[in-house]
Amino acid sequence: MADPDRYAVIGNPIAHSKSPDIHALFAGQTGQVMQYRHLLAPMDAFEETVKQFAAEGGKGLNVTVPFKTQAFELATSLTPRAKAAGAVNTLKFENNTIIGDNTDGKGLIADITANAGYPIAGKRVLLLGAGGAARGVILPLLDQQPSRLVIANRTLARARELADYFSDAGKIEVCGFDGISGEFDIVINATSAGLDDAMPPISAAVFAKPSLALDMVYGDQLTAFLRFAREHGAEVRDGFGMLVEQAAESFFVWRGVHPDTEPVFSAMRAKPSPELA
């Protein structure tokens, strides 16, 4: 019997990640012979850790914070959606090539539109943050044709960089957290504030009635952002659904089969740990 193909999720920190459990359920469901584990990369040795994993026969990696932009730079071949995002969350090793992909955006859209049943077309969308997590979802959000997409970030210049990068794909407004104006139907927190149960500095006035608030962080309890949003009338959703959906897309990239996510939600939801999708 052949040895199982090996995969992992790489990040720092990483021990809390539920990705190995998710992919084990996907493998069992689809009959794929594979192993999937945590892989801790030193902050100053991401490239070396990835190349060693590949040299030892690893087939692919999921990439989480803080390495998504480094993974983009490391990849020797990029899919169109990875090029558009400027960030990579999925690596595939094939014939001495490091293929970089980004499944975050597809995962987010699937969770909002299919799992939450909340259409994005024609809606006003506020995206908080301008880091790697935000980069991966901007083009998929624009593809849904919202009536308005605003990126708010602590550093305005960083938000402007993203808007300029995606300027050919659609209109994006930018502002600092203190410059947000108007109400929004969908508010997405792509900052890492939830990892420390911190609150992005926003006003309750951003939430329309009704509205959906989604935090890319997930955990046992609602984040400060989601508690704040719920107190002010928003429907709230954490990043667990996005995590599972993007994992399913990564699984498809590696194995050529797309697993059913619903059984995984049922099996995994009881014991989530804090993570940024």
C-alpha atoms as a PDB file:
ATOM      1  CA  MET A   1       0.000   0.000   0.000  1.00  0.00           C
ATOM      2  CA  ALA A   2       1.381   3.401  -1.011  1.00  0.00           C
ATOM      3  CA  ASP A   3       2.246   5.941   1.651  1.00  0.00           C
ATOM      4  CA  PRO A   4      -0.384   8.673   2.055  1.00  0.00           C
ATOM      5  CA  ASP A   5       0.255  12.022   0.376  1.00  0.00           C
ATOM      6  CA  ARG A   6       1.294  14.645   2.909  1.00  0.00           C
ATOM      7  CA  TYR A   7      -0.178  18.110   3.418  1.00  0.00           C
ATOM      8  CA  ALA A   8      -0.080  20.701   6.199  1.00  0.00           C
ATOM      9  CA  VAL A   9      -1.198  24.130   7.338  1.00  0.00           C
ATOM     10  CA  ILE A  10       1.709  26.508   7.910  1.00  0.00           C
ATOM     11  CA  GLY A  11       1.680  29.600  10.084  1.00  0.00           C
ATOM     12  CA  ASN A  12       2.920  31.184  13.299  1.00  0.00           C
ATOM     13  CA  PRO A  13       1.236  30.483  15.661  1.00  0.00           C
ATOM     14  CA  ILE A  14      -0.397  27.349  14.255  1.00  0.00           C
ATOM     15  CA  ALA A  15      -1.105  24.720  16.944  1.00  0.00           C
ATOM     16  CA  HIS A  16      -4.637  26.065  17.455  1.00  0.00           C
ATOM     17  CA  SER A  17      -5.665  25.533  13.816  1.00  0.00           C
ATOM     18  CA  LYS A  18      -8.562  23.180  13.129  1.00  0.00           C
ATOM     19  CA  SER A  19      -7.512  22.710   9.499  1.00  0.00           C
ATOM     20  CA  PRO A  20      -6.056  19.198  10.086  1.00  0.00           C
ATOM     21  CA  ASP A  21      -9.383  18.042  11.540  1.00  0.00           C
ATOM     22  CA  ILE A  22     -11.287  19.584   8.638  1.00  0.00           C
ATOM     23  CA  HIS A  23      -9.114  17.944   5.991  1.00  0.00           C
ATOM     24  CA  ALA A  24      -9.220  14.600   7.773  1.00  0.00           C
ATOM     25  CA  LEU A  25     -13.019  14.729   7.496  1.00  0.00           C
ATOM     26  CA  PHE A  26     -12.775  15.709   3.816  1.00  0.00           C
ATOM     27  CA  ALA A  27     -10.382  12.809   3.139  1.00  0.00           C
ATOM     28  CA  GLY A  28     -12.638  10.307   4.886  1.00  0.00           C
ATOM     29  CA  GLN A  29     -15.681  11.570   3.033  1.00  0.00           C
ATOM     30  CA  THR A  30     -14.031  11.389  -0.406  1.00  0.00           C
ATOM     31  CA  GLY A  31     -11.839   8.313   0.096  1.00  0.00           C
ATOM     32  CA  GLN A  32      -8.582  10.190  -0.405  1.00  0.00           C
ATOM     33  CA  VAL A  33      -5.393   8.653   1.065  1.00  0.00           C
ATOM     34  CA  MET A  34      -3.603  11.581   2.663  1.00  0.00           C
ATOM     35  CA  GLN A  35      -2.198  13.023   5.885  1.00  0.00           C
ATOM     36  CA  TYR A  36      -2.507  16.630   7.021  1.00  0.00           C
ATOM     37  CA  ARG A  37      -0.754  18.253   9.976  1.00  0.00           C
ATOM     38  CA  HIS A  38       0.316  21.536  11.582  1.00  0.00           C
ATOM     39  CA  LEU A  39       3.599  23.060  10.424  1.00  0.00           C
ATOM     40  CA  LEU A  40       5.104  25.868  12.507  1.00  0.00           C
ATOM     41  CA  ALA A  41       7.370  28.199  10.531  1.00  0.00           C
ATOM     42  CA  PRO A  42       9.803  30.492  12.360  1.00  0.00           C
ATOM     43  CA  MET A  43       9.002  34.125  11.591  1.00  0.00           C
ATOM     44  CA  ASP A  44      12.316  34.489   9.765  1.00  0.00           C
ATOM     45  CA  ALA A  45      12.345  31.106   8.012  1.00  0.00           C
ATOM     46  CA  PHE A  46       9.084  30.693   6.095  1.00  0.00           C
ATOM     47  CA  GLU A  47      10.746  29.985   2.738  1.00  0.00           C
ATOM     48  CA  GLU A  48      13.178  27.469   4.210  1.00  0.00           C
ATOM     49  CA  THR A  49      10.363  25.639   6.028  1.00  0.00           C
ATOM     50  CA  VAL A  50       8.229  25.408   2.885  1.00  0.00           C
ATOM     51  CA  LYS A  51      11.080  24.159   0.709  1.00  0.00           C
ATOM     52  CA  GLN A  52      12.093  21.540   3.275  1.00  0.00           C
ATOM     53  CA  PHE A  53       8.508  20.258   3.467  1.00  0.00           C
ATOM     54  CA  ALA A  54       8.373  19.981  -0.338  1.00  0.00           C
ATOM     55  CA  ALA A  55      11.807  18.343  -0.519  1.00  0.00           C
ATOM     56  CA  GLU A  56      10.647  15.693   1.950  1.00  0.00           C
ATOM     57  CA  GLY A  57       7.747  14.778  -0.328  1.00  0.00           C
ATOM     58  CA  GLY A  58       5.023  17.145   0.818  1.00  0.00           C
ATOM     59  CA  LYS A  59       2.329  17.733  -1.789  1.00  0.00           C
ATOM     60  CA  GLY A  60       0.749  20.984  -0.625  1.00  0.00           C
ATOM     61  CA  LEU A  61       0.281  23.563   2.096  1.00  0.00           C
ATOM     62  CA  ASN A  62      -2.413  25.855   3.370  1.00  0.00           C
ATOM     63  CA  VAL A  63      -0.894  29.178   4.418  1.00  0.00           C
ATOM     64  CA  THR A  64      -2.296  31.282   7.235  1.00  0.00           C
ATOM     65  CA  VAL A  65      -1.199  34.412   9.102  1.00  0.00           C
ATOM     66  CA  PRO A  66       1.276  35.987   8.837  1.00  0.00           C
ATOM     67  CA  PHE A  67       2.715  34.371   5.699  1.00  0.00           C
ATOM     68  CA  LYS A  68       0.205  34.879   2.858  1.00  0.00           C
ATOM     69  CA  THR A  69       2.162  37.622   1.115  1.00  0.00           C
ATOM     70  CA  GLN A  70       5.441  35.716   1.559  1.00  0.00           C
ATOM     71  CA  ALA A  71       3.788  32.680  -0.023  1.00  0.00           C
ATOM     72  CA  PHE A  72       2.807  34.863  -2.978  1.00  0.00           C
ATOM     73  CA  GLU A  73       6.440  35.896  -3.426  1.00  0.00           C
ATOM     74  CA  LEU A  74       7.705  32.322  -3.054  1.00  0.00           C
ATOM     75  CA  ALA A  75       5.394  30.726  -5.628  1.00  0.00           C
ATOM     76  CA  THR A  76       6.989  30.035  -9.022  1.00  0.00           C
ATOM     77  CA  SER A  77       3.575  29.873 -10.712  1.00  0.00           C
ATOM     78  CA  LEU A  78       0.416  31.760  -9.737  1.00  0.00           C
ATOM     79  CA  THR A  79      -3.219  31.101 -10.570  1.00  0.00           C
ATOM     80  CA  PRO A  80      -5.207  34.067 -11.917  1.00  0.00           C
ATOM     81  CA  ARG A  81      -7.037  34.524  -8.617  1.00  0.00           C
ATOM     82  CA  ALA A  82      -3.755  34.471  -6.681  1.00  0.00           C
ATOM     83  CA  LYS A  83      -2.297  37.082  -9.039  1.00  0.00           C
ATOM     84  CA  ALA A  84      -5.374  39.216  -8.567  1.00  0.00           C
ATOM     85  CA  ALA A  85      -5.287  38.891  -4.800  1.00  0.00           C
ATOM     86  CA  GLY A  86      -1.575  39.510  -4.412  1.00  0.00           C
ATOM     87  CA  ALA A  87      -1.642  36.904  -1.637  1.00  0.00           C
ATOM     88  CA  VAL A  88      -1.514  33.107  -1.480  1.00  0.00           C
ATOM     89  CA  ASN A  89      -3.205  30.770   0.988  1.00  0.00           C
ATOM     90  CA  THR A  90      -2.712  27.499  -0.926  1.00  0.00           C
ATOM     91  CA  LEU A  91       0.527  26.026  -2.246  1.00  0.00           C
ATOM     92  CA  LYS A  92       0.756  22.960  -4.476  1.00  0.00           C
ATOM     93  CA  PHE A  93       4.070  21.280  -5.245  1.00  0.00           C
ATOM     94  CA  GLU A  94       4.151  19.736  -8.700  1.00  0.00           C
ATOM     95  CA  ASN A  95       7.105  18.841 -10.953  1.00  0.00           C
ATOM     96  CA  ASN A  96       9.549  21.172  -9.151  1.00  0.00           C
ATOM     97  CA  THR A  97       6.993  23.980  -9.417  1.00  0.00           C
ATOM     98  CA  ILE A  98       5.460  25.827  -6.472  1.00  0.00           C
ATOM     99  CA  ILE A  99       1.939  26.715  -7.562  1.00  0.00           C
ATOM    100  CA  GLY A 100       0.343  29.512  -5.565  1.00  0.00           C
ATOM    101  CA  ASP A 101      -3.443  29.839  -5.329  1.00  0.00           C
ATOM    102  CA  ASN A 102      -5.891  31.806  -3.212  1.00  0.00           C
ATOM    103  CA  THR A 103      -9.141  30.189  -2.094  1.00  0.00           C
ATOM    104  CA  ASP A 104     -10.050  32.748   0.589  1.00  0.00           C
ATOM    105  CA  GLY A 105     -12.302  34.809  -1.641  1.00  0.00           C
ATOM    106  CA  LYS A 106     -14.270  31.853  -2.925  1.00  0.00           C
ATOM    107  CA  GLY A 107     -14.632  30.614   0.648  1.00  0.00           C
ATOM    108  CA  LEU A 108     -15.956  33.953   1.871  1.00  0.00           C
ATOM    109  CA  ILE A 109     -18.439  34.357  -0.982  1.00  0.00           C
ATOM    110  CA  ALA A 110     -19.723  30.791  -0.563  1.00  0.00           C
ATOM    111  CA  ASP A 111     -20.242  31.318   3.151  1.00  0.00           C
ATOM    112  CA  ILE A 112     -22.075  34.627   2.783  1.00  0.00           C
ATOM    113  CA  THR A 113     -24.230  33.798  -0.221  1.00  0.00           C
ATOM    114  CA  ALA A 114     -24.849  30.046   0.188  1.00  0.00           C
ATOM    115  CA  ASN A 115     -24.486  29.283   3.898  1.00  0.00           C
ATOM    116  CA  ALA A 116     -25.840  32.567   5.267  1.00  0.00           C
ATOM    117  CA  GLY A 117     -28.191  33.076   2.311  1.00  0.00           C
ATOM    118  CA  TYR A 118     -27.229  36.737   2.057  1.00  0.00           C
ATOM    119  CA  PRO A 119     -26.794  38.133  -1.481  1.00  0.00           C
ATOM    120  CA  ILE A 120     -23.948  40.583  -2.107  1.00  0.00           C
ATOM    121  CA  ALA A 121     -25.129  41.966  -5.454  1.00  0.00           C
ATOM    122  CA  GLY A 122     -26.389  45.521  -5.082  1.00  0.00           C
ATOM    123  CA  LYS A 123     -25.394  45.690  -1.402  1.00  0.00           C
ATOM    124  CA  ARG A 124     -23.172  48.222   0.380  1.00  0.00           C
ATOM    125  CA  VAL A 125     -20.062  46.450   1.678  1.00  0.00           C
ATOM    126  CA  LEU A 126     -17.544  47.718   4.234  1.00  0.00           C
ATOM    127  CA  LEU A 127     -14.247  45.834   4.483  1.00  0.00           C
ATOM    128  CA  LEU A 128     -12.206  46.553   7.617  1.00  0.00           C
ATOM    129  CA  GLY A 129      -8.465  46.076   7.174  1.00  0.00           C
ATOM    130  CA  ALA A 130      -6.041  46.155   4.266  1.00  0.00           C
ATOM    131  CA  GLY A 131      -3.684  43.242   4.962  1.00  0.00           C
ATOM    132  CA  GLY A 132      -3.321  39.842   3.345  1.00  0.00           C
ATOM    133  CA  ALA A 133      -6.717  38.633   4.562  1.00  0.00           C
ATOM    134  CA  ALA A 134      -8.421  41.584   2.894  1.00  0.00           C
ATOM    135  CA  ARG A 135      -6.438  41.284  -0.342  1.00  0.00           C
ATOM    136  CA  GLY A 136      -7.665  37.759  -0.919  1.00  0.00           C
ATOM    137  CA  VAL A 137     -11.342  38.688  -0.913  1.00  0.00           C
ATOM    138  CA  ILE A 138     -11.521  42.034  -2.743  1.00  0.00           C
ATOM    139  CA  LEU A 139     -11.781  40.732  -6.312  1.00  0.00           C
ATOM    140  CA  PRO A 140     -14.374  38.048  -5.449  1.00  0.00           C
ATOM    141  CA  LEU A 141     -16.407  40.726  -3.640  1.00  0.00           C
ATOM    142  CA  LEU A 142     -16.231  43.024  -6.675  1.00  0.00           C
ATOM    143  CA  ASP A 143     -17.254  40.122  -8.915  1.00  0.00           C
ATOM    144  CA  GLN A 144     -20.510  39.973  -6.939  1.00  0.00           C
ATOM    145  CA  GLN A 145     -21.242  43.562  -8.042  1.00  0.00           C
ATOM    146  CA  PRO A 146     -21.988  45.311  -4.751  1.00  0.00           C
ATOM    147  CA  SER A 147     -23.382  48.830  -5.086  1.00  0.00           C
ATOM    148  CA  ARG A 148     -20.542  50.123  -2.917  1.00  0.00           C
ATOM    149  CA  LEU A 149     -17.262  48.678  -1.600  1.00  0.00           C
ATOM    150  CA  VAL A 150     -15.332  50.654   0.997  1.00  0.00           C
ATOM    151  CA  ILE A 151     -11.990  49.626   2.496  1.00  0.00           C
ATOM    152  CA  ALA A 152     -11.326  51.197   5.888  1.00  0.00           C
ATOM    153  CA  ASN A 153      -7.922  50.830   7.488  1.00  0.00           C
ATOM    154  CA  ARG A 154      -5.928  52.354  10.317  1.00  0.00           C
ATOM    155  CA  THR A 155      -3.270  53.380   7.787  1.00  0.00           C
ATOM    156  CA  LEU A 156      -5.005  55.158   4.921  1.00  0.00           C
ATOM    157  CA  ALA A 157      -2.053  54.744   2.558  1.00  0.00           C
ATOM    158  CA  ARG A 158      -2.319  50.947   2.835  1.00  0.00           C
ATOM    159  CA  ALA A 159      -5.991  51.068   1.881  1.00  0.00           C
ATOM    160  CA  ARG A 160      -5.172  53.301  -1.079  1.00  0.00           C
ATOM    161  CA  GLU A 161      -2.562  50.806  -2.260  1.00  0.00           C
ATOM    162  CA  LEU A 162      -5.200  48.079  -2.355  1.00  0.00           C
ATOM    163  CA  ALA A 163      -7.720  50.293  -4.135  1.00  0.00           C
ATOM    164  CA  ASP A 164      -5.122  51.176  -6.763  1.00  0.00           C
ATOM    165  CA  TYR A 165      -4.144  47.508  -7.171  1.00  0.00           C
ATOM    166  CA  PHE A 166      -7.752  46.520  -7.923  1.00  0.00           C
ATOM    167  CA  SER A 167      -8.747  49.700  -9.767  1.00  0.00           C
ATOM    168  CA  ASP A 168      -9.321  47.868 -13.073  1.00  0.00           C
ATOM    169  CA  ALA A 169     -11.795  45.480 -11.426  1.00  0.00           C
ATOM    170  CA  GLY A 170     -14.220  48.034 -10.062  1.00  0.00           C
ATOM    171  CA  LYS A 171     -14.722  51.140  -7.976  1.00  0.00           C
ATOM    172  CA  ILE A 172     -13.346  50.992  -4.432  1.00  0.00           C
ATOM    173  CA  GLU A 173     -13.601  53.762  -1.868  1.00  0.00           C
ATOM    174  CA  VAL A 174     -11.041  54.082   0.912  1.00  0.00           C
ATOM    175  CA  CYS A 175     -10.911  55.806   4.279  1.00  0.00           C
ATOM    176  CA  GLY A 176      -9.407  55.621   7.725  1.00  0.00           C
ATOM    177  CA  PHE A 177     -11.454  54.082  10.525  1.00  0.00           C
ATOM    178  CA  ASP A 178     -12.403  57.587  11.628  1.00  0.00           C
ATOM    179  CA  GLY A 179     -13.573  58.522   8.137  1.00  0.00           C
ATOM    180  CA  ILE A 180     -16.237  55.861   7.543  1.00  0.00           C
ATOM    181  CA  SER A 181     -19.484  57.432   6.324  1.00  0.00           C
ATOM    182  CA  GLY A 182     -22.881  55.953   5.622  1.00  0.00           C
ATOM    183  CA  GLU A 183     -24.578  52.671   6.451  1.00  0.00           C
ATOM    184  CA  PHE A 184     -23.592  49.250   5.129  1.00  0.00           C
ATOM    185  CA  ASP A 185     -25.519  46.061   4.458  1.00  0.00           C
ATOM    186  CA  ILE A 186     -22.438  43.858   4.945  1.00  0.00           C
ATOM    187  CA  VAL A 187     -19.530  44.679   7.262  1.00  0.00           C
ATOM    188  CA  ILE A 188     -16.518  42.335   7.104  1.00  0.00           C
ATOM    189  CA  ASN A 189     -13.723  42.465   9.662  1.00  0.00           C
ATOM    190  CA  ALA A 190     -10.504  41.362   7.946  1.00  0.00           C
ATOM    191  CA  THR A 191      -8.241  42.728  10.691  1.00  0.00           C
ATOM    192  CA  SER A 192      -6.578  40.443  13.224  1.00  0.00           C
ATOM    193  CA  ALA A 193      -8.128  42.357  16.148  1.00  0.00           C
ATOM    194  CA  GLY A 194     -10.399  39.438  16.997  1.00  0.00           C
ATOM    195  CA  LEU A 195      -7.425  37.225  17.804  1.00  0.00           C
ATOM    196  CA  ASP A 196      -6.882  39.425  20.868  1.00  0.00           C
ATOM    197  CA  ASP A 197     -10.608  40.087  21.388  1.00  0.00           C
ATOM    198  CA  ALA A 198      -9.955  43.689  20.411  1.00  0.00           C
ATOM    199  CA  MET A 199     -12.461  45.940  18.695  1.00  0.00           C
ATOM    200  CA  PRO A 200     -11.809  47.808  15.429  1.00  0.00           C
ATOM    201  CA  PRO A 201     -12.466  51.513  16.109  1.00  0.00           C
ATOM    202  CA  ILE A 202     -15.770  51.848  14.275  1.00  0.00           C
ATOM    203  CA  SER A 203     -19.134  53.400  15.081  1.00  0.00           C
ATOM    204  CA  ALA A 204     -22.436  51.577  15.425  1.00  0.00           C
ATOM    205  CA  ALA A 205     -23.687  53.887  12.671  1.00  0.00           C
ATOM    206  CA  VAL A 206     -22.057  51.638  10.029  1.00  0.00           C
ATOM    207  CA  PHE A 207     -24.700  48.935  10.480  1.00  0.00           C
ATOM    208  CA  ALA A 208     -27.789  49.279   8.299  1.00  0.00           C
ATOM    209  CA  LYS A 209     -31.096  47.761   9.378  1.00  0.00           C
ATOM    210  CA  PRO A 210     -30.873  44.885   8.568  1.00  0.00           C
ATOM    211  CA  SER A 211     -27.178  44.080   8.066  1.00  0.00           C
ATOM    212  CA  LEU A 212     -24.737  41.179   8.204  1.00  0.00           C
ATOM    213  CA  ALA A 213     -21.490  41.425  10.178  1.00  0.00           C
ATOM    214  CA  LEU A 214     -18.808  38.817   9.497  1.00  0.00           C
ATOM    215  CA  ASP A 215     -15.498  38.454  11.312  1.00  0.00           C
ATOM    216  CA  MET A 216     -12.817  36.353   9.640  1.00  0.00           C
ATOM    217  CA  VAL A 217     -11.739  35.232  13.114  1.00  0.00           C
ATOM    218  CA  TYR A 218     -13.611  32.365  14.716  1.00  0.00           C
ATOM    219  CA  GLY A 219     -13.571  30.849  18.187  1.00  0.00           C
ATOM    220  CA  ASP A 220     -15.565  29.535  21.137  1.00  0.00           C
ATOM    221  CA  GLN A 221     -17.062  32.976  21.791  1.00  0.00           C
ATOM    222  CA  LEU A 222     -18.117  35.851  19.592  1.00  0.00           C
ATOM    223  CA  THR A 223     -15.345  38.378  18.988  1.00  0.00           C
ATOM    224  CA  ALA A 224     -15.622  41.920  20.348  1.00  0.00           C
ATOM    225  CA  PHE A 225     -16.562  43.074  16.837  1.00  0.00           C
ATOM    226  CA  LEU A 226     -19.388  40.557  16.525  1.00  0.00           C
ATOM    227  CA  ARG A 227     -20.690  41.285  20.035  1.00  0.00           C
ATOM    228  CA  PHE A 228     -20.735  44.979  19.164  1.00  0.00           C
ATOM    229  CA  ALA A 229     -22.475  44.298  15.845  1.00  0.00           C
ATOM    230  CA  ARG A 230     -25.133  42.088  17.455  1.00  0.00           C
ATOM    231  CA  GLU A 231     -25.823  44.693  20.139  1.00  0.00           C
ATOM    232  CA  HIS A 232     -26.598  47.118  17.339  1.00  0.00           C
ATOM    233  CA  GLY A 233     -28.962  44.889  15.406  1.00  0.00           C
ATOM    234  CA  ALA A 234     -26.731  43.101  12.901  1.00  0.00           C
ATOM    235  CA  GLU A 235     -26.921  39.416  12.064  1.00  0.00           C
ATOM    236  CA  VAL A 236     -23.500  38.054  12.976  1.00  0.00           C
ATOM    237  CA  ARG A 237     -21.285  35.353  11.530  1.00  0.00           C
ATOM    238  CA  ASP A 238     -17.749  34.349  12.438  1.00  0.00           C
ATOM    239  CA  GLY A 239     -15.004  33.074  10.137  1.00  0.00           C
ATOM    240  CA  PHE A 240     -15.580  29.370  10.676  1.00  0.00           C
ATOM    241  CA  GLY A 241     -17.793  28.976   7.622  1.00  0.00           C
ATOM    242  CA  MET A 242     -15.272  30.799   5.464  1.00  0.00           C
ATOM    243  CA  LEU A 243     -12.503  28.578   6.864  1.00  0.00           C
ATOM    244  CA  VAL A 244     -14.327  25.386   5.937  1.00  0.00           C
ATOM    245  CA  GLU A 245     -15.343  26.651   2.496  1.00  0.00           C
ATOM    246  CA  GLN A 246     -11.852  27.835   1.559  1.00  0.00           C
ATOM    247  CA  ALA A 247     -10.458  24.532   2.851  1.00  0.00           C
ATOM    248  CA  ALA A 248     -12.848  22.645   0.572  1.00  0.00           C
ATOM    249  CA  GLU A 249     -11.614  24.666  -2.387  1.00  0.00           C
ATOM    250  CA  SER A 250      -7.972  23.981  -1.432  1.00  0.00           C
ATOM    251  CA  PHE A 251      -8.816  20.278  -1.171  1.00  0.00           C
ATOM    252  CA  PHE A 252     -10.215  20.441  -4.692  1.00  0.00           C
ATOM    253  CA  VAL A 253      -7.036  22.163  -5.955  1.00  0.00           C
ATOM    254  CA  TRP A 254      -4.914  19.349  -4.520  1.00  0.00           C
ATOM    255  CA  ARG A 255      -7.107  16.278  -5.022  1.00  0.00           C
ATOM    256  CA  GLY A 256      -9.453  17.134  -7.898  1.00  0.00           C
ATOM    257  CA  VAL A 257     -12.595  16.391  -5.897  1.00  0.00           C
ATOM    258  CA  HIS A 258     -14.752  18.910  -4.034  1.00  0.00           C
ATOM    259  CA  PRO A 259     -16.004  17.655  -0.644  1.00  0.00           C
ATOM    260  CA  ASP A 260     -19.408  18.384   0.850  1.00  0.00           C
ATOM    261  CA  THR A 261     -18.952  21.015   3.557  1.00  0.00           C
ATOM    262  CA  GLU A 262     -22.241  20.533   5.426  1.00  0.00           C
ATOM    263  CA  PRO A 263     -21.207  17.343   7.298  1.00  0.00           C
ATOM    264  CA  VAL A 264     -17.995  19.085   8.342  1.00  0.00           C
ATOM    265  CA  PHE A 265     -19.895  22.005   9.861  1.00  0.00           C
ATOM    266  CA  SER A 266     -21.946  19.557  11.890  1.00  0.00           C
ATOM    267  CA  ALA A 267     -18.890  17.615  13.081  1.00  0.00           C
ATOM    268  CA  MET A 268     -16.598  20.569  13.796  1.00  0.00           C
ATOM    269  CA  ARG A 269     -18.758  23.370  15.135  1.00  0.00           C
ATOM    270  CA  ALA A 270     -18.769  22.090  18.726  1.00  0.00           C
ATOM    271  CA  LYS A 271     -15.105  22.837  19.428  1.00  0.00           C
ATOM    272  CA  PRO A 272     -13.733  25.746  17.399  1.00  0.00           C
ATOM    273  CA  SER A 273     -10.521  27.494  18.454  1.00  0.00           C
ATOM    274  CA  PRO A 274      -9.562  31.111  17.691  1.00  0.00           C
ATOM    275  CA  GLU A 275      -8.083  31.494  14.232  1.00  0.00           C
ATOM    276  CA  LEU A 276      -7.973  33.969  11.404  1.00  0.00           C
ATOM    277  CA  ALA A 277      -9.243  32.231   8.264  1.00  0.00           C
END
